Amino acid sequence: MPHVSLDEIEQATHRALVATGPDRGGRPLARAVRVAESTGNRICGLYYLESYCTVADGRIDGSSSRW
């Protein structure tokens, strides 16, 4: 299995979020995915990236502290 750095995970996650729309919350969410992956909590990390990118119900909002 190839090794992917945490920096690469965060950057790729942010690019995916910006490309699919929820860019206002993209930076904090990309950071959260990085942290989840760094601690082995994959269920909250890349595992859900596709779901994060397809959210259309307003859960991702960079102007709010709640998601």
PDB file of N, CA and C in Angstrom:
ATOM      1  N   MET A   1       0.846  -1.165   0.000  1.00  0.00           N
ATOM      2  CA  MET A   1       0.000   0.000   0.000  1.00  0.00           C
ATOM      3  C   MET A   1       0.900   1.238   0.000  1.00  0.00           C
ATOM      4  N   PRO A   2       0.596   2.233  -0.854  1.00  0.00           N
ATOM      5  CA  PRO A   2       1.428   3.431  -0.892  1.00  0.00           C
ATOM      6  C   PRO A   2       1.233   4.278   0.365  1.00  0.00           C
ATOM      7  N   HIS A   3       2.294   4.962   0.742  1.00  0.00           N
ATOM      8  CA  HIS A   3       2.240   5.863   1.890  1.00  0.00           C
ATOM      9  C   HIS A   3       1.806   7.249   1.412  1.00  0.00           C
ATOM     10  N   VAL A   4       0.842   7.831   2.091  1.00  0.00           N
ATOM     11  CA  VAL A   4       0.377   9.180   1.792  1.00  0.00           C
ATOM     12  C   VAL A   4       0.564   9.994   3.065  1.00  0.00           C
ATOM     13  N   SER A   5       1.241  11.129   2.934  1.00  0.00           N
ATOM     14  CA  SER A   5       1.512  11.948   4.117  1.00  0.00           C
ATOM     15  C   SER A   5       0.244  12.659   4.589  1.00  0.00           C
ATOM     16  N   LEU A   6       0.261  13.092   5.831  1.00  0.00           N
ATOM     17  CA  LEU A   6      -0.870  13.846   6.377  1.00  0.00           C
ATOM     18  C   LEU A   6      -1.058  15.166   5.641  1.00  0.00           C
ATOM     19  N   ASP A   7       0.035  15.786   5.229  1.00  0.00           N
ATOM     20  CA  ASP A   7      -0.066  17.016   4.435  1.00  0.00           C
ATOM     21  C   ASP A   7      -0.812  16.747   3.124  1.00  0.00           C
ATOM     22  N   GLU A   8      -0.457  15.638   2.457  1.00  0.00           N
ATOM     23  CA  GLU A   8      -1.122  15.278   1.207  1.00  0.00           C
ATOM     24  C   GLU A   8      -2.606  14.994   1.431  1.00  0.00           C
ATOM     25  N   ILE A   9      -2.925  14.325   2.530  1.00  0.00           N
ATOM     26  CA  ILE A   9      -4.326  14.041   2.853  1.00  0.00           C
ATOM     27  C   ILE A   9      -5.097  15.340   3.035  1.00  0.00           C
ATOM     28  N   GLU A  10      -4.542  16.253   3.813  1.00  0.00           N
ATOM     29  CA  GLU A  10      -5.230  17.523   4.072  1.00  0.00           C
ATOM     30  C   GLU A  10      -5.389  18.335   2.791  1.00  0.00           C
ATOM     31  N   GLN A  11      -4.339  18.419   1.997  1.00  0.00           N
ATOM     32  CA  GLN A  11      -4.394  19.206   0.766  1.00  0.00           C
ATOM     33  C   GLN A  11      -5.380  18.609  -0.237  1.00  0.00           C
ATOM     34  N   ALA A  12      -5.344  17.306  -0.411  1.00  0.00           N
ATOM     35  CA  ALA A  12      -6.255  16.656  -1.351  1.00  0.00           C
ATOM     36  C   ALA A  12      -7.699  16.760  -0.877  1.00  0.00           C
ATOM     37  N   THR A  13      -7.907  16.646   0.429  1.00  0.00           N
ATOM     38  CA  THR A  13      -9.255  16.784   0.980  1.00  0.00           C
ATOM     39  C   THR A  13      -9.784  18.184   0.722  1.00  0.00           C
ATOM     40  N   HIS A  14      -8.957  19.192   0.972  1.00  0.00           N
ATOM     41  CA  HIS A  14      -9.385  20.570   0.740  1.00  0.00           C
ATOM     42  C   HIS A  14      -9.697  20.801  -0.735  1.00  0.00           C
ATOM     43  N   ARG A  15      -8.854  20.310  -1.621  1.00  0.00           N
ATOM     44  CA  ARG A  15      -9.104  20.478  -3.064  1.00  0.00           C
ATOM     45  C   ARG A  15     -10.429  19.821  -3.454  1.00  0.00           C
ATOM     46  N   ALA A  16     -10.699  18.641  -2.925  1.00  0.00           N
ATOM     47  CA  ALA A  16     -11.956  17.945  -3.245  1.00  0.00           C
ATOM     48  C   ALA A  16     -13.156  18.728  -2.734  1.00  0.00           C
ATOM     49  N   LEU A  17     -13.061  19.266  -1.531  1.00  0.00           N
ATOM     50  CA  LEU A  17     -14.170  20.037  -0.971  1.00  0.00           C
ATOM     51  C   LEU A  17     -14.419  21.312  -1.755  1.00  0.00           C
ATOM     52  N   VAL A  18     -13.362  22.005  -2.121  1.00  0.00           N
ATOM     53  CA  VAL A  18     -13.507  23.243  -2.901  1.00  0.00           C
ATOM     54  C   VAL A  18     -14.103  22.925  -4.276  1.00  0.00           C
ATOM     55  N   ALA A  19     -13.672  21.838  -4.879  1.00  0.00           N
ATOM     56  CA  ALA A  19     -14.154  21.472  -6.213  1.00  0.00           C
ATOM     57  C   ALA A  19     -15.626  21.068  -6.213  1.00  0.00           C
ATOM     58  N   THR A  20     -16.123  20.605  -5.088  1.00  0.00           N
ATOM     59  CA  THR A  20     -17.504  20.122  -5.043  1.00  0.00           C
ATOM     60  C   THR A  20     -18.456  21.073  -4.352  1.00  0.00           C
ATOM     61  N   GLY A  21     -17.953  22.194  -3.838  1.00  0.00           N
ATOM     62  CA  GLY A  21     -18.873  23.201  -3.355  1.00  0.00           C
ATOM     63  C   GLY A  21     -18.758  23.708  -1.941  1.00  0.00           C
ATOM     64  N   PRO A  22     -18.604  22.865  -0.929  1.00  0.00           N
ATOM     65  CA  PRO A  22     -18.631  23.414   0.440  1.00  0.00           C
ATOM     66  C   PRO A  22     -17.311  24.054   0.839  1.00  0.00           C
ATOM     67  N   ASP A  23     -16.844  25.010   0.022  1.00  0.00           N
ATOM     68  CA  ASP A  23     -15.513  25.568   0.233  1.00  0.00           C
ATOM     69  C   ASP A  23     -15.395  26.441   1.467  1.00  0.00           C
ATOM     70  N   ARG A  24     -16.483  27.053   1.945  1.00  0.00           N
ATOM     71  CA  ARG A  24     -16.376  27.895   3.140  1.00  0.00           C
ATOM     72  C   ARG A  24     -15.982  27.063   4.356  1.00  0.00           C
ATOM     73  N   GLY A  25     -16.382  25.821   4.401  1.00  0.00           N
ATOM     74  CA  GLY A  25     -16.029  24.956   5.515  1.00  0.00           C
ATOM     75  C   GLY A  25     -14.937  23.971   5.157  1.00  0.00           C
ATOM     76  N   GLY A  26     -14.379  24.130   3.969  1.00  0.00           N
ATOM     77  CA  GLY A  26     -13.408  23.158   3.480  1.00  0.00           C
ATOM     78  C   GLY A  26     -12.120  23.084   4.266  1.00  0.00           C
ATOM     79  N   ARG A  27     -11.597  24.220   4.659  1.00  0.00           N
ATOM     80  CA  ARG A  27     -10.312  24.215   5.372  1.00  0.00           C
ATOM     81  C   ARG A  27     -10.428  23.535   6.736  1.00  0.00           C
ATOM     82  N   PRO A  28     -11.412  23.899   7.576  1.00  0.00           N
ATOM     83  CA  PRO A  28     -11.524  23.209   8.872  1.00  0.00           C
ATOM     84  C   PRO A  28     -11.852  21.721   8.724  1.00  0.00           C
ATOM     85  N   LEU A  29     -12.651  21.393   7.735  1.00  0.00           N
ATOM     86  CA  LEU A  29     -13.000  19.987   7.551  1.00  0.00           C
ATOM     87  C   LEU A  29     -11.795  19.199   7.048  1.00  0.00           C
ATOM     88  N   ALA A  30     -11.008  19.792   6.160  1.00  0.00           N
ATOM     89  CA  ALA A  30      -9.788  19.133   5.690  1.00  0.00           C
ATOM     90  C   ALA A  30      -8.841  18.878   6.856  1.00  0.00           C
ATOM     91  N   ARG A  31      -8.747  19.834   7.759  1.00  0.00           N
ATOM     92  CA  ARG A  31      -7.906  19.681   8.958  1.00  0.00           C
ATOM     93  C   ARG A  31      -8.459  18.564   9.848  1.00  0.00           C
ATOM     94  N   ALA A  32      -9.775  18.505   9.992  1.00  0.00           N
ATOM     95  CA  ALA A  32     -10.393  17.466  10.817  1.00  0.00           C
ATOM     96  C   ALA A  32     -10.155  16.075  10.228  1.00  0.00           C
ATOM     97  N   VAL A  33     -10.201  15.963   8.906  1.00  0.00           N
ATOM     98  CA  VAL A  33      -9.905  14.678   8.253  1.00  0.00           C
ATOM     99  C   VAL A  33      -8.457  14.297   8.520  1.00  0.00           C
ATOM    100  N   ARG A  34      -7.564  15.252   8.435  1.00  0.00           N
ATOM    101  CA  ARG A  34      -6.146  14.996   8.724  1.00  0.00           C
ATOM    102  C   ARG A  34      -5.968  14.467  10.148  1.00  0.00           C
ATOM    103  N   VAL A  35      -6.588  15.140  11.106  1.00  0.00           N
ATOM    104  CA  VAL A  35      -6.470  14.729  12.508  1.00  0.00           C
ATOM    105  C   VAL A  35      -7.054  13.335  12.702  1.00  0.00           C
ATOM    106  N   ALA A  36      -8.200  13.085  12.109  1.00  0.00           N
ATOM    107  CA  ALA A  36      -8.819  11.761  12.239  1.00  0.00           C
ATOM    108  C   ALA A  36      -7.899  10.685  11.689  1.00  0.00           C
ATOM    109  N   GLU A  37      -7.327  10.921  10.522  1.00  0.00           N
ATOM    110  CA  GLU A  37      -6.410   9.941   9.932  1.00  0.00           C
ATOM    111  C   GLU A  37      -5.152   9.773  10.773  1.00  0.00           C
ATOM    112  N   SER A  38      -4.664  10.861  11.372  1.00  0.00           N
ATOM    113  CA  SER A  38      -3.425  10.776  12.160  1.00  0.00           C
ATOM    114  C   SER A  38      -3.604   9.969  13.439  1.00  0.00           C
ATOM    115  N   THR A  39      -4.832   9.904  13.924  1.00  0.00           N
ATOM    116  CA  THR A  39      -5.098   9.156  15.157  1.00  0.00           C
ATOM    117  C   THR A  39      -5.673   7.770  14.890  1.00  0.00           C
ATOM    118  N   GLY A  40      -5.798   7.422  13.609  1.00  0.00           N
ATOM    119  CA  GLY A  40      -6.327   6.110  13.256  1.00  0.00           C
ATOM    120  C   GLY A  40      -7.848   6.051  13.252  1.00  0.00           C
ATOM    121  N   ASN A  41      -8.505   7.185  13.375  1.00  0.00           N
ATOM    122  CA  ASN A  41      -9.964   7.243  13.368  1.00  0.00           C
ATOM    123  C   ASN A  41     -10.451   7.389  11.931  1.00  0.00           C
ATOM    124  N   ARG A  42     -10.277   6.348  11.160  1.00  0.00           N
ATOM    125  CA  ARG A  42     -10.567   6.411   9.728  1.00  0.00           C
ATOM    126  C   ARG A  42     -12.054   6.580   9.426  1.00  0.00           C
ATOM    127  N   ILE A  43     -12.910   6.160  10.304  1.00  0.00           N
ATOM    128  CA  ILE A  43     -14.342   6.287  10.068  1.00  0.00           C
ATOM    129  C   ILE A  43     -14.765   7.753   9.966  1.00  0.00           C
ATOM    130  N   CYS A  44     -14.000   8.664  10.571  1.00  0.00           N
ATOM    131  CA  CYS A  44     -14.301  10.101  10.475  1.00  0.00           C
ATOM    132  C   CYS A  44     -13.351  10.802   9.521  1.00  0.00           C
ATOM    133  N   GLY A  45     -12.485  10.057   8.895  1.00  0.00           N
ATOM    134  CA  GLY A  45     -11.500  10.646   8.007  1.00  0.00           C
ATOM    135  C   GLY A  45     -11.850  10.465   6.545  1.00  0.00           C
ATOM    136  N   LEU A  46     -10.909   9.905   5.802  1.00  0.00           N
ATOM    137  CA  LEU A  46     -11.095   9.738   4.364  1.00  0.00           C
ATOM    138  C   LEU A  46     -12.265   8.832   4.016  1.00  0.00           C
ATOM    139  N   TYR A  47     -12.629   7.967   4.913  1.00  0.00           N
ATOM    140  CA  TYR A  47     -13.752   7.057   4.681  1.00  0.00           C
ATOM    141  C   TYR A  47     -15.013   7.836   4.293  1.00  0.00           C
ATOM    142  N   TYR A  48     -15.207   8.991   4.878  1.00  0.00           N
ATOM    143  CA  TYR A  48     -16.396   9.790   4.625  1.00  0.00           C
ATOM    144  C   TYR A  48     -16.178  10.950   3.657  1.00  0.00           C
ATOM    145  N   LEU A  49     -15.028  11.046   3.039  1.00  0.00           N
ATOM    146  CA  LEU A  49     -14.753  12.185   2.167  1.00  0.00           C
ATOM    147  C   LEU A  49     -15.793  12.321   1.058  1.00  0.00           C
ATOM    148  N   GLU A  50     -16.165  11.236   0.436  1.00  0.00           N
ATOM    149  CA  GLU A  50     -17.179  11.321  -0.624  1.00  0.00           C
ATOM    150  C   GLU A  50     -18.479  11.895  -0.078  1.00  0.00           C
ATOM    151  N   SER A  51     -18.860  11.457   1.091  1.00  0.00           N
ATOM    152  CA  SER A  51     -20.079  11.970   1.710  1.00  0.00           C
ATOM    153  C   SER A  51     -19.948  13.458   2.015  1.00  0.00           C
ATOM    154  N   TYR A  52     -18.789  13.864   2.541  1.00  0.00           N
ATOM    155  CA  TYR A  52     -18.569  15.282   2.831  1.00  0.00           C
ATOM    156  C   TYR A  52     -18.691  16.116   1.554  1.00  0.00           C
ATOM    157  N   CYS A  53     -18.230  15.576   0.454  1.00  0.00           N
ATOM    158  CA  CYS A  53     -18.247  16.309  -0.813  1.00  0.00           C
ATOM    159  C   CYS A  53     -19.636  16.383  -1.437  1.00  0.00           C
ATOM    160  N   THR A  54     -20.519  15.506  -1.052  1.00  0.00           N
ATOM    161  CA  THR A  54     -21.848  15.497  -1.660  1.00  0.00           C
ATOM    162  C   THR A  54     -22.923  16.058  -0.738  1.00  0.00           C
ATOM    163  N   VAL A  55     -22.526  16.599   0.390  1.00  0.00           N
ATOM    164  CA  VAL A  55     -23.497  17.169   1.319  1.00  0.00           C
ATOM    165  C   VAL A  55     -24.208  18.339   0.665  1.00  0.00           C
ATOM    166  N   ALA A  56     -25.521  18.264   0.666  1.00  0.00           N
ATOM    167  CA  ALA A  56     -26.303  19.340   0.066  1.00  0.00           C
ATOM    168  C   ALA A  56     -27.295  19.928   1.054  1.00  0.00           C
ATOM    169  N   ASP A  57     -27.209  19.519   2.304  1.00  0.00           N
ATOM    170  CA  ASP A  57     -28.217  19.954   3.268  1.00  0.00           C
ATOM    171  C   ASP A  57     -27.715  21.022   4.225  1.00  0.00           C
ATOM    172  N   GLY A  58     -26.564  21.621   3.939  1.00  0.00           N
ATOM    173  CA  GLY A  58     -26.075  22.726   4.754  1.00  0.00           C
ATOM    174  C   GLY A  58     -25.277  22.334   5.977  1.00  0.00           C
ATOM    175  N   ARG A  59     -24.919  21.074   6.141  1.00  0.00           N
ATOM    176  CA  ARG A  59     -24.149  20.673   7.320  1.00  0.00           C
ATOM    177  C   ARG A  59     -22.773  21.294   7.350  1.00  0.00           C
ATOM    178  N   ILE A  60     -22.193  21.549   6.200  1.00  0.00           N
ATOM    179  CA  ILE A  60     -20.860  22.141   6.146  1.00  0.00           C
ATOM    180  C   ILE A  60     -21.017  23.635   5.938  1.00  0.00           C
ATOM    181  N   ASP A  61     -20.705  24.400   6.960  1.00  0.00           N
ATOM    182  CA  ASP A  61     -20.864  25.853   6.911  1.00  0.00           C
ATOM    183  C   ASP A  61     -19.735  26.487   7.687  1.00  0.00           C
ATOM    184  N   GLY A  62     -18.813  27.092   6.979  1.00  0.00           N
ATOM    185  CA  GLY A  62     -17.633  27.679   7.601  1.00  0.00           C
ATOM    186  C   GLY A  62     -17.935  28.863   8.492  1.00  0.00           C
ATOM    187  N   SER A  63     -19.141  29.406   8.420  1.00  0.00           N
ATOM    188  CA  SER A  63     -19.484  30.543   9.262  1.00  0.00           C
ATOM    189  C   SER A  63     -20.033  30.108  10.605  1.00  0.00           C
ATOM    190  N   SER A  64     -20.136  28.825  10.832  1.00  0.00           N
ATOM    191  CA  SER A  64     -20.705  28.298  12.057  1.00  0.00           C
ATOM    192  C   SER A  64     -19.703  27.389  12.735  1.00  0.00           C
ATOM    193  N   SER A  65     -19.770  27.297  14.046  1.00  0.00           N
ATOM    194  CA  SER A  65     -18.889  26.363  14.757  1.00  0.00           C
ATOM    195  C   SER A  65     -19.500  24.967  14.774  1.00  0.00           C
ATOM    196  N   ARG A  66     -20.722  24.838  14.313  1.00  0.00           N
ATOM    197  CA  ARG A  66     -21.402  23.535  14.268  1.00  0.00           C
ATOM    198  C   ARG A  66     -21.482  23.042  12.834  1.00  0.00           C
ATOM    199  N   TRP A  67     -21.350  21.709  12.652  1.00  0.00           N
ATOM    200  CA  TRP A  67     -21.501  21.116  11.334  1.00  0.00           C
ATOM    201  C   TRP A  67     -22.671  20.226  11.433  1.00  0.00           C
TER     202      TRP A  67
END
